[in-house]
Protein backbone atom coordinates (compact mmCIF):
# COMPACT_ATOMS: atom_id res chain seq x y z
CA MET A 1 33.81 7.85 -60.51
CA THR A 2 37.24 6.13 -61.96
CA THR A 3 36.85 2.71 -63.87
CA THR A 4 39.96 1.91 -62.44
CA SER A 5 39.89 -1.79 -62.20
CA SER A 6 42.34 -1.80 -58.69
CA LYS A 7 39.84 0.97 -56.53
CA ILE A 8 40.72 2.07 -53.36
CA VAL A 9 38.38 3.79 -51.12
CA PHE A 10 40.33 5.76 -48.47
CA THR A 11 37.99 6.78 -45.15
CA GLY A 12 39.32 9.76 -44.09
CA ILE A 13 40.69 11.65 -47.52
CA THR A 14 40.91 15.23 -46.30
CA GLY A 15 43.20 14.47 -43.49
CA LEU A 16 47.36 14.69 -43.48
CA LEU A 17 47.90 11.49 -44.72
CA GLY A 18 45.70 11.55 -47.67
CA GLY A 19 46.91 14.47 -49.36
CA TYR A 20 49.70 12.89 -49.27
CA PHE A 21 48.85 9.69 -50.40
CA LEU A 22 46.67 11.28 -53.46
CA LYS A 23 49.96 13.30 -54.03
CA THR A 24 51.93 10.13 -54.46
CA LYS A 25 49.44 8.60 -56.21
CA LYS A 26 50.55 5.62 -58.41
CA SER A 27 49.45 4.49 -62.16
CA GLY A 28 46.83 1.33 -61.89
CA TYR A 29 44.78 2.73 -58.79
CA GLY A 30 41.66 4.76 -58.74
CA ILE A 31 41.30 6.27 -55.23
CA ILE A 32 37.70 7.17 -54.24
CA GLY A 33 37.70 9.57 -50.83
CA ILE A 34 35.27 9.15 -48.18
CA GLY A 35 34.94 11.76 -45.28
CA ASN A 36 32.49 13.62 -43.13
CA LYS A 37 34.06 17.15 -44.06
CA ASN A 38 36.21 19.77 -46.04
CA ILE A 39 35.03 17.73 -49.04
CA SER A 40 35.86 18.89 -52.75
CA GLN A 41 32.12 20.08 -54.15
CA ASN A 42 34.43 19.37 -57.56
CA ASN A 43 36.21 15.89 -57.32
CA ASP A 44 34.05 13.42 -58.56
CA ASN A 45 35.76 10.33 -56.73
CA PHE A 46 35.31 12.29 -53.18
CA PHE A 47 31.85 11.33 -51.01
CA GLN A 48 30.31 12.81 -47.93
CA ILE A 49 29.34 9.73 -46.26
CA ASP A 50 29.54 9.18 -42.14
CA ILE A 51 31.26 5.93 -41.57
CA THR A 52 28.95 5.91 -37.68
CA ASN A 53 25.41 5.22 -40.49
CA LYS A 54 25.85 1.32 -41.17
CA LYS A 55 23.35 1.40 -43.76
CA GLN A 56 25.32 4.29 -45.61
CA VAL A 57 28.79 2.39 -45.83
CA LEU A 58 27.14 -0.36 -46.42
CA ASP A 59 25.72 0.52 -49.78
CA PHE A 60 28.50 2.93 -50.76
CA ILE A 61 30.96 0.09 -50.35
CA ASN A 62 28.67 -2.33 -52.40
CA LYS A 63 28.42 0.01 -55.04
CA ILE A 64 31.69 0.74 -55.35
CA ASN A 65 33.34 -2.67 -54.99
CA PRO A 66 36.34 -1.93 -53.44
CA SER A 67 39.64 -4.30 -53.58
CA VAL A 68 41.23 -2.43 -50.60
CA ILE A 69 39.60 -0.20 -48.20
CA ILE A 70 42.27 2.31 -46.10
CA HIS A 71 40.95 3.02 -43.24
CA ALA A 72 41.95 6.49 -41.39
CA ALA A 73 38.61 7.76 -40.54
CA SER A 74 39.17 8.91 -37.05
CA ILE A 75 38.46 11.14 -34.23
CA GLY A 76 42.16 12.16 -33.71
CA ASN A 77 42.54 14.59 -30.93
CA VAL A 78 43.34 13.11 -27.93
CA ASP A 79 41.81 15.60 -25.57
CA TYR A 80 38.31 16.07 -27.74
CA CYS A 81 38.19 12.05 -27.03
CA GLU A 82 39.34 12.39 -23.47
CA ARG A 83 36.41 14.87 -23.61
CA ASN A 84 33.29 13.12 -24.91
CA PRO A 85 33.78 9.63 -25.22
CA ASP A 86 31.13 8.35 -26.02
CA GLU A 87 31.42 10.20 -29.44
CA ALA A 88 35.06 9.09 -29.32
CA TYR A 89 33.99 5.20 -29.44
CA LYS A 90 30.91 5.97 -31.71
CA VAL A 91 33.00 7.55 -34.49
CA ASN A 92 36.68 5.41 -33.77
CA ILE A 93 35.26 1.73 -32.59
CA GLU A 94 31.06 1.35 -34.14
CA GLY A 95 32.37 3.19 -37.20
CA THR A 96 34.77 0.78 -38.25
CA LYS A 97 33.02 -2.40 -36.83
CA ASN A 98 30.90 -0.85 -39.91
CA ILE A 99 33.89 -0.17 -42.56
CA ILE A 100 34.36 -3.97 -41.89
CA ASN A 101 30.79 -4.79 -41.96
CA ALA A 102 30.90 -3.70 -45.91
CA ALA A 103 34.53 -5.24 -46.25
CA LYS A 104 33.19 -8.41 -45.62
CA LYS A 105 30.31 -8.18 -48.11
CA ALA A 106 32.76 -6.64 -50.67
CA ARG A 107 35.17 -9.27 -49.88
CA ALA A 108 37.73 -6.19 -49.42
CA LYS A 109 41.30 -6.14 -47.97
CA ILE A 110 41.26 -3.78 -45.34
CA ILE A 111 44.54 -1.60 -44.27
CA PHE A 112 43.90 -0.21 -40.89
CA LEU A 113 45.58 2.74 -39.53
CA SER A 114 46.26 2.99 -35.53
CA SER A 115 48.71 4.87 -33.39
CA ASN A 116 51.64 4.81 -31.11
CA ALA A 117 48.73 5.96 -29.14
CA VAL A 118 48.35 2.05 -28.20
CA PHE A 119 51.40 2.06 -26.27
CA ASP A 120 51.97 3.32 -22.64
CA GLY A 121 55.08 5.24 -22.81
CA ASN A 122 56.79 2.99 -20.05
CA ASN A 123 59.11 0.45 -22.32
CA PRO A 124 60.62 2.39 -25.13
CA LEU A 125 61.20 0.87 -28.54
CA TYR A 126 58.10 -0.32 -29.10
CA ASP A 127 58.41 -3.38 -31.86
CA GLU A 128 55.24 -5.33 -33.46
CA LYS A 129 55.07 -7.86 -30.26
CA ALA A 130 54.48 -5.35 -27.82
CA LEU A 131 52.09 -5.05 -25.14
CA SER A 132 49.84 -2.60 -26.24
CA SER A 133 48.87 -0.33 -23.18
CA PRO A 134 46.83 2.75 -23.47
CA ILE A 135 46.52 5.30 -20.97
CA ASP A 136 44.08 7.61 -23.26
CA ILE A 137 40.46 7.01 -24.26
CA TYR A 138 41.57 8.13 -28.21
CA GLY A 139 44.56 5.23 -27.63
CA LYS A 140 41.27 2.72 -26.01
CA THR A 141 39.49 3.23 -29.67
CA LYS A 142 42.90 2.41 -31.64
CA LYS A 143 43.63 -0.96 -29.20
CA GLU A 144 39.66 -1.78 -29.87
CA GLY A 145 39.63 -1.25 -33.62
CA GLU A 146 43.30 -3.20 -34.10
CA SER A 147 41.08 -6.40 -32.35
CA LEU A 148 38.63 -5.87 -34.40
CA ILE A 149 40.41 -5.56 -37.65
CA LYS A 150 42.46 -8.62 -36.66
CA MET A 151 39.44 -11.09 -35.26
CA SER A 152 37.59 -10.46 -38.75
CA GLY A 153 38.34 -12.88 -41.08
CA LEU A 154 39.50 -9.76 -43.52
CA ASN A 155 43.01 -9.71 -45.20
CA PHE A 156 44.61 -6.92 -43.51
CA VAL A 157 47.22 -4.66 -42.85
CA ILE A 158 47.63 -3.11 -39.41
CA LEU A 159 50.55 0.19 -39.38
CA ARG A 160 50.78 1.93 -36.19
CA LEU A 161 51.68 5.88 -37.62
CA MET A 162 53.65 7.20 -35.50
CA THR A 163 52.66 10.86 -34.28
CA MET A 164 52.59 12.74 -38.09
CA TYR A 165 53.75 16.08 -39.76
CA GLY A 166 53.40 17.15 -43.38
CA TRP A 167 51.48 20.66 -44.97
CA PRO A 168 47.90 19.93 -43.78
CA GLN A 169 45.31 20.17 -46.87
CA ALA A 170 43.20 23.35 -47.24
CA GLY A 171 41.34 23.45 -44.18
CA GLY A 172 42.58 20.14 -42.67
CA ARG A 173 43.86 20.52 -39.10
CA GLY A 174 47.52 21.30 -38.48
CA ASN A 175 49.65 18.87 -36.76
CA PRO A 176 52.99 19.69 -33.96
CA VAL A 177 55.13 21.44 -37.01
CA THR A 178 52.63 23.14 -38.70
CA TRP A 179 52.48 24.39 -35.11
CA ILE A 180 55.34 26.02 -34.14
CA ILE A 181 56.25 26.97 -38.04
CA ASP A 182 52.85 29.08 -37.40
CA LYS A 183 53.53 30.32 -34.12
CA LEU A 184 57.16 31.50 -34.96
CA LYS A 185 56.64 33.10 -37.83
CA THR A 186 54.08 36.10 -36.00
CA GLY A 187 56.50 36.13 -33.24
CA GLU A 188 55.18 33.96 -30.69
CA LYS A 189 56.98 33.14 -27.64
CA ILE A 190 55.57 29.17 -27.09
CA ASN A 191 55.96 26.86 -24.03
CA VAL A 192 57.06 23.29 -25.96
CA VAL A 193 57.51 20.26 -23.27
CA SER A 194 60.87 18.55 -23.26
CA ASP A 195 59.63 15.59 -21.54
CA ILE A 196 57.35 13.64 -23.84
CA TYR A 197 59.42 11.65 -26.73
CA ASN A 198 58.52 10.12 -30.05
CA ASN A 199 59.95 9.78 -33.41
CA HIS A 200 57.86 11.93 -35.51
CA LEU A 201 56.54 11.04 -39.13
CA TRP A 202 56.65 12.49 -41.95
CA ALA A 203 53.09 11.49 -43.87
CA GLY A 204 54.80 11.51 -46.69
CA GLN A 205 56.87 8.38 -45.76
CA ALA A 206 53.76 7.06 -43.75
CA ALA A 207 52.20 6.79 -47.96
CA GLU A 208 55.29 5.62 -49.28
CA VAL A 209 54.41 3.06 -46.83
CA ILE A 210 50.75 2.05 -48.17
CA TRP A 211 51.56 2.16 -51.34
CA GLU A 212 54.60 -0.53 -50.97
CA ILE A 213 51.83 -2.45 -48.74
CA LEU A 214 49.69 -2.88 -51.99
CA LYS A 215 52.51 -3.04 -54.03
CA LYS A 216 53.75 -6.60 -52.66
CA ASP A 217 50.30 -7.45 -51.94
CA ILE A 218 50.60 -8.25 -47.66
CA LYS A 219 48.17 -9.48 -46.10
CA ASN A 220 47.93 -10.01 -41.85
CA GLU A 221 50.66 -8.41 -40.73
CA THR A 222 51.38 -5.08 -37.93
CA TYR A 223 53.71 -2.47 -38.98
CA ASN A 224 55.09 0.10 -36.54
CA ILE A 225 55.90 3.44 -38.48
CA ALA A 226 57.83 6.18 -37.54
CA GLY A 227 61.10 8.50 -38.08
CA MET A 228 65.09 7.73 -37.16
CA ASP A 229 65.00 10.05 -34.79
CA CYS A 230 63.16 9.92 -30.88
CA ILE A 231 63.80 13.18 -29.63
CA SER A 232 61.37 15.46 -27.39
CA ARG A 233 58.89 18.05 -28.67
CA TYR A 234 61.25 20.98 -27.47
CA ASP A 235 64.27 19.20 -29.75
CA LEU A 236 61.79 18.60 -32.65
CA ALA A 237 60.64 22.74 -32.25
CA LEU A 238 64.44 23.76 -32.13
CA LYS A 239 64.94 22.16 -35.48
CA VAL A 240 62.52 22.90 -37.12
CA ALA A 241 62.96 26.94 -36.38
CA LYS A 242 66.09 26.02 -37.80
CA ILE A 243 65.93 24.50 -41.03
CA PHE A 244 62.73 26.85 -41.61
CA GLU A 245 65.30 30.10 -40.61
CA LEU A 246 62.36 31.02 -37.90
CA ASP A 247 63.89 32.18 -34.02
CA PRO A 248 64.24 29.30 -31.25
CA SER A 249 65.19 32.30 -28.58
CA LEU A 250 60.80 32.27 -28.94
CA ILE A 251 60.83 28.54 -27.39
CA THR A 252 60.38 27.48 -24.00
CA PRO A 253 61.43 24.41 -22.64
CA VAL A 254 58.89 22.94 -19.82
CA THR A 255 57.55 19.82 -18.75
CA SER A 256 54.61 18.24 -19.37
CA ASP A 257 53.12 18.67 -16.13
CA PHE A 258 53.32 22.91 -16.89
CA PHE A 259 50.02 22.07 -19.56
CA LYS A 260 46.92 21.07 -17.66
CA SER A 261 45.60 19.59 -20.08
CA ILE A 262 42.26 17.06 -19.99
CA ALA A 263 44.13 13.24 -21.63
CA LYS A 264 47.48 11.71 -20.42
CA ARG A 265 49.95 11.63 -22.20
CA PRO A 266 52.72 8.94 -22.89
CA LYS A 267 56.06 9.83 -22.20
CA ASN A 268 57.91 8.09 -24.37
CA THR A 269 56.25 6.09 -27.53
CA CYS A 270 59.15 5.72 -29.90
CA PHE A 271 59.52 2.47 -31.84
CA ASN A 272 61.37 0.04 -32.96
CA VAL A 273 61.01 0.54 -37.05
CA SER A 274 63.46 -2.75 -37.85
CA LYS A 275 60.26 -4.38 -39.05
CA MET A 276 59.47 -1.74 -41.39
CA GLU A 277 62.87 -0.89 -42.65
CA THR A 278 63.48 -4.86 -43.24
CA GLN A 279 60.38 -6.47 -44.80
CA LEU A 280 59.13 -2.79 -46.73
CA GLY A 281 62.72 -2.10 -47.57
CA ILE A 282 61.82 1.60 -46.31
CA LYS A 283 64.63 3.42 -44.42
CA ALA A 284 63.27 5.99 -41.67
CA VAL A 285 63.60 9.44 -42.47
CA SER A 286 65.34 11.13 -40.26
CA ILE A 287 63.34 14.81 -38.63
CA ASP A 288 66.45 17.11 -40.58
CA GLU A 289 65.63 15.24 -44.00
CA GLY A 290 61.04 14.91 -43.21
CA LEU A 291 61.90 19.25 -42.42
CA ALA A 292 63.81 19.45 -45.23
CA LEU A 293 61.26 17.49 -47.71
CA MET A 294 58.62 19.97 -45.98
CA ARG A 295 60.85 23.10 -46.78
CA GLU A 296 61.19 22.29 -50.42
CA GLU A 297 57.18 21.44 -50.80
CA SER A 298 56.55 24.96 -49.80
CA LYS A 299 58.61 27.05 -52.60
């Protein structure tokens, strides 16, 4: 168990962002990670906690007594949420209520990780004041989570994270970039949508944002966090093929109605990131830069 005075509890530590947050750890902080799966048995600072268990969460947070809780744990698979709305609400809403309740007892600041899914995709570029109007279950749980955080009376920061990419931790869920790499490396032909737009976010930059918020001790703010380039998934796939020296002829552009997916996807949720850049002093990373950093990581 860490004895560092500035203790951070990070929920969902085994996710993509958790991995980059750990890799960029700053001195003067102790990170206590919790998750419900893939928790390493040989890490004394990682614990298996069910955030839907109110007593378990409260007892654990009381014992740790952190100064900050970074709440990243959620069911983030859009189609899974659509098929399992009760479970999505239990984890993403009830779990968040339990974290808030425990944070109040510990008098901890909370950094809540939200999503571009709170927007309907009809009026980009979205800044922090844009109306949130989600079109799927996952986005609705994130919008409600934001409201709970704002009404909690806690010191908070809400980070709406764009669709992220990067290298997942062992056993972790993939993301759009790793999916493209895995398919192209095996010579598999892939269909990629050309009418869904995001300014995809390198997970390393998301970690940098959190560390900067901790350093500046920012309170009661919301930030839209994303990369520089607003491009389609198809254009992203072409950039991945180029930077990782894979075969672009395997990639076929299709429109989103080609896939009979359960959850409807917003067409364009690209963010205006000027608040991130001006208030936090963090320049949005371009797709080329982020992919190049990923390639360097893999060497």
